[in-house]
Amino acid sequence: MAASAGEIHVFVIWHVYMTYMYMLFYYHRPFFIGRAIVNVIKKQAINMKEELKSALSEAPSVSVTIDLWSDRTKRGFIGITAHFEANNRLAVKTLTTQRVSGKSLYTI
């Protein structure tokens, strides 16, 4: 049975579209994958921040610890951690860990 002109037209349009999408994804894959990952990470960060705010606001008290250290190449870092009670258990959450620039005043 021969295909009608309309069926051939639809097939050609579909084939051109699929070829275009394949080429677009194949040659620009890092852009699409990178953007998708960045968006997922941003959404997760926002959710984690809101959950942390909620947990800290419900805690009867919060203790904060600060730690400074350096790696083997003498790059400095700071870490800030919150300790609090949640559901009758000790909860520990890292608030930030960042690189610190400048000279160290103390060396071992």
Foldseek 3Di string as FASTA:
>chain_A
DDDDPVVVVVVVVVVVVVVVVVVCCVVCVCVVVVVVVVVVVVVVVVVVVVVVVVQCVPFPDKDKDKDWDADPVRWIKIWIKIWTDDPNDIDIDTPDIDTDDDDDPDDD
